Protein backbone atom coordinates (compact mmCIF):
# COMPACT_ATOMS: atom_id res chain seq x y z
CA MET A 1 1.70 5.49 -3.74
CA SER A 2 3.82 3.54 -1.29
CA GLY A 3 4.30 2.45 2.27
CA GLY A 4 1.23 2.69 4.48
CA GLY A 5 -0.87 4.08 1.66
CA THR A 6 -0.79 0.92 -0.47
CA ARG A 7 -4.32 -0.48 -0.82
CA PHE A 8 -3.63 -3.48 -3.08
CA ASP A 9 -1.19 -6.30 -3.58
CA ARG A 10 0.40 -5.51 -6.94
CA VAL A 11 0.42 -9.02 -8.41
CA GLU A 12 -3.19 -10.11 -7.97
CA GLY A 13 -4.77 -6.97 -6.55
CA ARG A 14 -5.74 -8.42 -3.19
CA PRO A 15 -7.08 -5.60 -1.01
CA LEU A 16 -4.79 -4.74 1.89
CA VAL A 17 -7.23 -2.33 3.49
CA ASP A 18 -10.99 -1.95 3.71
CA LEU A 19 -12.21 -0.53 0.40
CA PRO A 20 -15.23 1.69 -0.26
CA THR A 21 -18.48 -0.24 -0.53
CA PHE A 22 -19.41 -0.90 -4.15
CA ARG A 23 -22.93 -1.63 -5.33
CA LEU A 24 -23.62 -1.82 -9.04
CA GLU A 25 -27.13 -0.50 -8.57
CA ASP A 26 -25.67 2.77 -7.27
CA ARG A 27 -23.96 3.50 -10.61
CA PRO A 28 -26.29 5.48 -12.90
CA VAL A 29 -26.48 4.36 -16.53
CA GLU A 30 -28.08 6.22 -19.41
CA VAL A 31 -29.22 4.51 -22.58
CA LEU A 32 -28.12 6.97 -25.24
CA VAL A 33 -28.84 4.59 -28.12
CA PRO A 34 -31.08 1.55 -27.52
CA GLY A 35 -29.72 -1.85 -28.39
CA ASP A 36 -28.62 -5.11 -26.82
CA ALA A 37 -25.83 -7.46 -27.77
CA ALA A 38 -23.79 -10.43 -26.60
CA ALA A 39 -20.65 -8.26 -26.84
CA TRP A 40 -20.07 -5.00 -24.98
CA ILE A 41 -17.07 -2.70 -25.19
CA THR A 42 -16.18 -0.82 -22.01
CA LEU A 43 -14.47 2.53 -22.52
CA PRO A 44 -13.27 4.24 -19.30
CA ALA A 45 -12.73 7.98 -19.76
CA LEU A 46 -11.47 10.94 -17.75
CA ASP A 47 -11.02 14.41 -19.31
CA GLU A 48 -10.68 13.06 -22.85
CA SER A 49 -12.67 15.67 -24.77
CA SER A 50 -9.75 16.54 -27.04
CA GLY A 51 -9.17 13.02 -28.30
CA ILE A 52 -12.07 10.70 -27.59
CA ARG A 53 -13.82 11.43 -30.88
CA ALA A 54 -11.26 9.39 -32.78
CA THR A 55 -11.74 6.44 -30.44
CA LEU A 56 -15.52 6.65 -30.68
CA ALA A 57 -15.27 6.75 -34.46
CA ALA A 58 -13.09 3.63 -34.39
CA LEU A 59 -15.69 1.85 -32.26
CA GLU A 60 -18.49 2.91 -34.59
CA ALA A 61 -16.45 1.46 -37.48
CA GLN A 62 -16.32 -2.01 -35.89
CA THR A 63 -17.61 -4.70 -38.24
CA LEU A 64 -19.23 -6.68 -35.42
CA ARG A 65 -22.96 -6.21 -35.06
CA PRO A 66 -24.90 -6.19 -32.84
CA LEU A 67 -22.61 -4.40 -30.40
CA VAL A 68 -22.91 -2.14 -27.37
CA VAL A 69 -20.41 0.58 -26.43
CA CYS A 70 -20.45 1.59 -22.76
CA VAL A 71 -18.52 4.76 -21.92
CA VAL A 72 -17.74 4.98 -18.20
CA ASP A 73 -17.00 8.57 -17.24
CA ASN A 74 -14.68 8.82 -14.25
CA GLY A 75 -15.44 12.39 -13.22
CA SER A 76 -14.55 14.42 -16.32
CA ARG A 77 -14.67 18.22 -16.05
CA ASP A 78 -13.65 19.10 -19.60
CA GLY A 79 -16.71 18.28 -21.68
CA THR A 80 -15.99 14.60 -22.32
CA VAL A 81 -19.57 13.65 -21.49
CA GLU A 82 -20.92 16.25 -23.92
CA VAL A 83 -18.70 14.85 -26.68
CA VAL A 84 -20.03 11.35 -25.99
CA ARG A 85 -23.63 12.56 -26.08
CA GLU A 86 -23.03 14.37 -29.36
CA TRP A 87 -21.47 11.26 -30.89
CA ALA A 88 -24.31 9.06 -29.65
CA ALA A 89 -26.89 11.39 -31.21
CA GLY A 90 -25.11 10.94 -34.52
CA VAL A 91 -25.06 7.17 -34.08
CA ALA A 92 -28.79 7.14 -33.36
CA SER A 93 -29.60 9.04 -36.54
CA ALA A 94 -27.09 7.29 -38.80
CA THR A 95 -27.30 3.68 -37.67
CA ALA A 96 -31.00 3.04 -37.11
CA GLY A 97 -31.48 -0.69 -37.45
CA ARG A 98 -27.73 -1.39 -37.52
CA SER A 99 -27.63 -2.58 -33.92
CA LEU A 100 -25.06 -0.33 -32.27
CA GLY A 101 -26.19 0.49 -28.74
CA VAL A 102 -24.58 3.17 -26.60
CA ARG A 103 -24.57 3.49 -22.80
CA LEU A 104 -23.13 6.23 -20.63
CA ALA A 105 -22.26 5.31 -17.05
CA CYS A 106 -20.70 7.28 -14.21
CA GLU A 107 -18.06 5.94 -11.81
CA PRO A 108 -17.34 8.42 -9.00
CA GLU A 109 -14.51 6.37 -7.49
CA LYS A 110 -11.22 7.51 -9.00
CA GLY A 111 -9.32 5.00 -11.12
CA THR A 112 -9.14 3.19 -14.42
CA GLY A 113 -9.53 -0.09 -12.56
CA ALA A 114 -12.69 1.07 -10.81
CA ALA A 115 -14.20 2.58 -13.96
CA SER A 116 -13.37 -0.47 -16.06
CA ASP A 117 -14.79 -2.87 -13.48
CA THR A 118 -18.03 -0.91 -13.35
CA GLY A 119 -18.42 -1.06 -17.13
CA MET A 120 -17.65 -4.77 -17.30
CA ARG A 121 -20.09 -5.59 -14.52
CA LEU A 122 -22.81 -3.46 -16.08
CA ALA A 123 -22.33 -5.41 -19.29
CA ALA A 124 -22.51 -8.77 -17.54
CA ALA A 125 -25.61 -7.70 -15.61
CA ALA A 126 -27.25 -6.73 -18.92
CA GLY A 127 -26.68 -10.24 -20.27
CA ALA A 128 -23.51 -9.74 -22.29
CA ARG A 129 -21.42 -12.88 -22.74
CA TYR A 130 -18.29 -11.24 -24.14
CA LEU A 131 -16.65 -8.26 -22.43
CA LEU A 132 -14.13 -6.13 -24.29
CA ARG A 133 -12.18 -3.12 -23.07
CA THR A 134 -10.18 -0.42 -24.78
CA ASP A 135 -9.01 3.04 -23.71
CA ALA A 136 -10.11 6.52 -24.73
CA ASP A 137 -6.80 7.32 -26.44
CA SER A 138 -6.68 4.08 -28.44
CA LEU A 139 -7.90 3.10 -31.91
CA PRO A 140 -9.13 -0.48 -32.36
CA ARG A 141 -8.96 -1.68 -35.95
CA PRO A 142 -12.36 -2.36 -37.58
CA THR A 143 -12.21 -6.16 -37.13
CA TRP A 144 -10.96 -6.00 -33.53
CA ALA A 145 -14.25 -6.72 -31.74
CA ALA A 146 -15.23 -9.43 -34.22
CA ARG A 147 -11.89 -11.18 -33.76
CA MET A 148 -12.13 -11.00 -29.98
CA VAL A 149 -15.62 -12.51 -30.00
CA GLN A 150 -14.58 -15.22 -32.43
CA ARG A 151 -11.84 -16.38 -30.05
CA LEU A 152 -13.98 -16.05 -26.91
CA ALA A 153 -16.82 -17.99 -28.49
CA THR A 154 -14.60 -20.90 -29.49
CA ASP A 155 -11.32 -21.54 -27.70
CA ALA A 156 -10.43 -18.82 -25.19
CA ASP A 157 -11.66 -17.39 -21.89
CA LEU A 158 -9.30 -14.38 -21.97
CA VAL A 159 -7.65 -12.80 -25.03
CA ALA A 160 -4.77 -10.33 -25.02
CA GLY A 161 -4.64 -8.51 -28.34
CA ARG A 162 -1.70 -6.99 -30.20
CA MET A 163 -0.71 -3.36 -29.68
CA VAL A 164 0.74 -1.12 -32.36
CA ASP A 165 1.52 2.59 -32.20
CA ARG A 166 -0.84 5.20 -33.59
CA THR A 167 0.30 6.52 -36.94
CA ASP A 168 -1.65 9.78 -36.60
CA GLU A 169 0.46 11.23 -33.76
CA GLY A 170 3.36 12.30 -35.94
CA ASN A 171 6.00 10.03 -34.42
CA GLY A 172 9.10 9.62 -36.56
CA LEU A 173 10.73 6.27 -37.26
CA PRO A 174 13.22 6.52 -34.35
CA THR A 175 10.40 7.13 -31.85
CA ARG A 176 8.33 4.29 -33.28
CA VAL A 177 11.30 1.93 -32.97
CA VAL A 178 11.79 2.98 -29.33
CA LEU A 179 8.10 2.37 -28.60
CA TRP A 180 8.28 -1.08 -30.19
CA LEU A 181 11.35 -1.88 -28.09
CA LEU A 182 9.57 -0.70 -24.93
CA VAL A 183 6.74 -3.14 -25.53
CA ALA A 184 9.19 -5.96 -26.27
CA ILE A 185 11.20 -5.25 -23.10
CA ALA A 186 8.07 -5.05 -20.97
CA ALA A 187 6.82 -8.35 -22.38
CA ALA A 188 10.15 -10.08 -21.73
CA VAL A 189 10.45 -8.79 -18.17
CA SER A 190 6.83 -9.44 -17.24
CA VAL A 191 7.07 -13.23 -17.49
CA PRO A 192 9.59 -13.83 -14.68
CA LYS A 193 7.95 -11.12 -12.55
CA ASN A 194 4.66 -13.05 -12.61
CA ARG A 195 5.76 -16.60 -11.92
CA GLY A 196 4.15 -18.42 -9.05
CA ARG A 197 2.42 -21.58 -7.89
CA GLY A 198 -1.17 -22.33 -8.70
CA TYR A 199 -1.33 -20.66 -12.11
CA ARG A 200 -2.82 -22.75 -14.88
CA THR A 201 -0.87 -21.17 -17.71
CA ARG A 202 2.04 -18.83 -18.31
CA PHE A 203 1.75 -15.08 -18.03
CA ARG A 204 0.95 -13.14 -21.21
CA MET A 205 1.69 -9.45 -21.63
CA MET A 206 -1.68 -7.70 -21.86
CA MET A 207 -2.59 -4.03 -22.14
CA GLY A 208 -5.83 -2.80 -20.62
CA SER A 209 -6.67 -1.12 -23.91
CA ASN A 210 -6.85 -4.47 -25.71
CA VAL A 211 -8.67 -7.04 -23.59
CA GLY A 212 -11.39 -9.57 -24.32
CA ILE A 213 -12.83 -11.89 -21.65
CA ARG A 214 -15.90 -14.05 -21.23
CA ALA A 215 -18.38 -12.57 -18.77
CA ASP A 216 -18.61 -15.72 -16.65
CA THR A 217 -14.81 -15.88 -16.45
CA TYR A 218 -14.59 -12.20 -15.49
CA LEU A 219 -17.03 -12.57 -12.62
CA ALA A 220 -15.51 -15.81 -11.34
CA ALA A 221 -11.97 -14.40 -11.43
CA GLY A 222 -12.92 -11.21 -9.61
CA GLY A 223 -12.46 -8.82 -12.53
CA PHE A 224 -10.36 -5.69 -12.62
CA PRO A 225 -9.27 -4.41 -9.22
CA ARG A 226 -11.23 -1.32 -8.20
CA SER A 227 -7.98 0.60 -8.16
CA ARG A 228 -6.54 3.98 -9.03
CA ILE A 229 -4.11 4.28 -11.90
CA GLU A 230 -1.16 4.90 -9.58
CA GLU A 231 -1.77 1.84 -7.40
CA VAL A 232 -1.48 -1.26 -9.59
CA HIS A 233 -1.41 -2.29 -13.24
CA ASP A 234 -5.05 -3.36 -13.45
CA ASP A 235 -4.42 -5.35 -16.66
CA ARG A 236 -1.67 -7.38 -14.95
CA VAL A 237 -4.00 -8.09 -12.03
CA LEU A 238 -6.79 -9.31 -14.33
CA MET A 239 -4.38 -11.60 -16.17
CA ASN A 240 -3.08 -13.13 -12.94
CA ARG A 241 -6.52 -13.50 -11.39
CA THR A 242 -7.80 -15.20 -14.52
CA ARG A 243 -4.93 -17.64 -14.94
CA ARG A 244 -5.58 -18.93 -11.44
CA LEU A 245 -8.97 -19.95 -12.77
CA THR A 246 -8.36 -21.19 -16.32
CA GLY A 247 -5.63 -22.08 -18.77
CA ARG A 248 -7.68 -20.98 -21.78
CA ILE A 249 -5.78 -17.72 -22.16
CA THR A 250 -4.21 -16.62 -25.41
CA SER A 251 -2.50 -13.78 -27.22
CA ASP A 252 -3.97 -12.93 -30.60
CA ARG A 253 -2.03 -10.92 -33.16
CA GLN A 254 -5.14 -10.34 -35.27
CA ALA A 255 -6.95 -8.41 -32.51
CA VAL A 256 -5.17 -5.11 -33.10
CA VAL A 257 -5.42 -1.80 -31.25
CA ALA A 258 -3.29 1.27 -31.96
CA SER A 259 -2.23 2.94 -28.72
CA SER A 260 -1.19 6.50 -27.98
CA SER A 261 2.41 7.49 -27.20
CA ARG A 262 1.36 10.32 -24.87
CA ARG A 263 2.87 8.63 -21.80
CA TYR A 264 6.21 8.48 -23.64
CA ARG A 265 5.91 12.13 -24.64
CA ARG A 266 5.12 13.08 -21.03
CA TYR A 267 7.66 10.91 -19.19
CA GLY A 268 10.43 10.26 -21.70
CA LEU A 269 12.18 6.91 -22.07
CA ARG A 270 13.42 6.59 -18.49
CA GLY A 271 10.08 7.49 -16.98
CA VAL A 272 8.15 5.03 -19.15
CA LEU A 273 10.54 2.21 -18.31
CA ALA A 274 10.17 2.97 -14.60
CA TRP A 275 6.40 3.08 -14.93
CA TYR A 276 5.98 -0.24 -16.71
CA LEU A 277 8.69 -2.19 -14.93
CA HIS A 278 8.23 -0.88 -11.38
CA HIS A 279 4.97 1.10 -11.45
CA ASP A 280 7.02 4.08 -10.36
CA SER A 281 6.71 7.49 -12.01
CA ARG A 282 9.81 8.91 -10.27
CA GLY A 283 7.83 11.89 -9.09
CA ALA A 284 6.01 12.60 -12.37
CA PRO A 285 2.21 12.77 -12.38
CA VAL A 286 1.06 9.22 -13.08
CA ASP A 287 -2.25 10.08 -14.68
CA VAL A 288 -1.40 11.52 -18.07
CA ARG A 289 -5.03 12.27 -18.85
């Protein structure tokens, strides 16, 4: 998206046009498994029926309890919602008394930013103090949520976790090395691209699939932009909005999430570099879901 169609400033997500009216009370939420917790995980999803089971299993395997998982469906037409309901039914029967709540929300406005913001705000409105986010093609390690909450409860307002590649996608060593290099290059380039006055700490590379933030910080900073995936890097925007507010931002190598290489398989090396460095898909479809 470019030219007159740009709705957001790319650095801090400031709206450049009038956006659709958003009211949290207009977003329906179903309680699939009762339960409340100080920590909620938001999981935005669009047409993920073929792969979301693995992510849901990884969230069920989290050591942190109590915990609430909030799946925010962004208009799926492939049976994603049915998969989530089936998984939740299994959770309800297998984890009675183990304090894993499940919510299913609907966000009709297209975009990972919009869906993620809805989930985070639903969590805060429900009384959650710690807001975590991962993606429907990612696999958080079992101690991920516990580590995030430990940092947020003690010495951090925003935590950027460590990303590794998924070992179950059949990538050979050369591909895994390339993926590691891509992350390293993106991290190195992101720092000078995000310099500016008024920030309270340096920029940290952060992926939207591995984020932890205090609820009060999220609301005060303005949260994720209510954006579409092709418009801005919503994780970059959240980082920049938050570091205008607080310097208590950290990277944590013990908060680990394994991410999918499907963007690399779809775009190839050149396309992925263009996407992360310039938010430009060079004509390829930007939404790999």
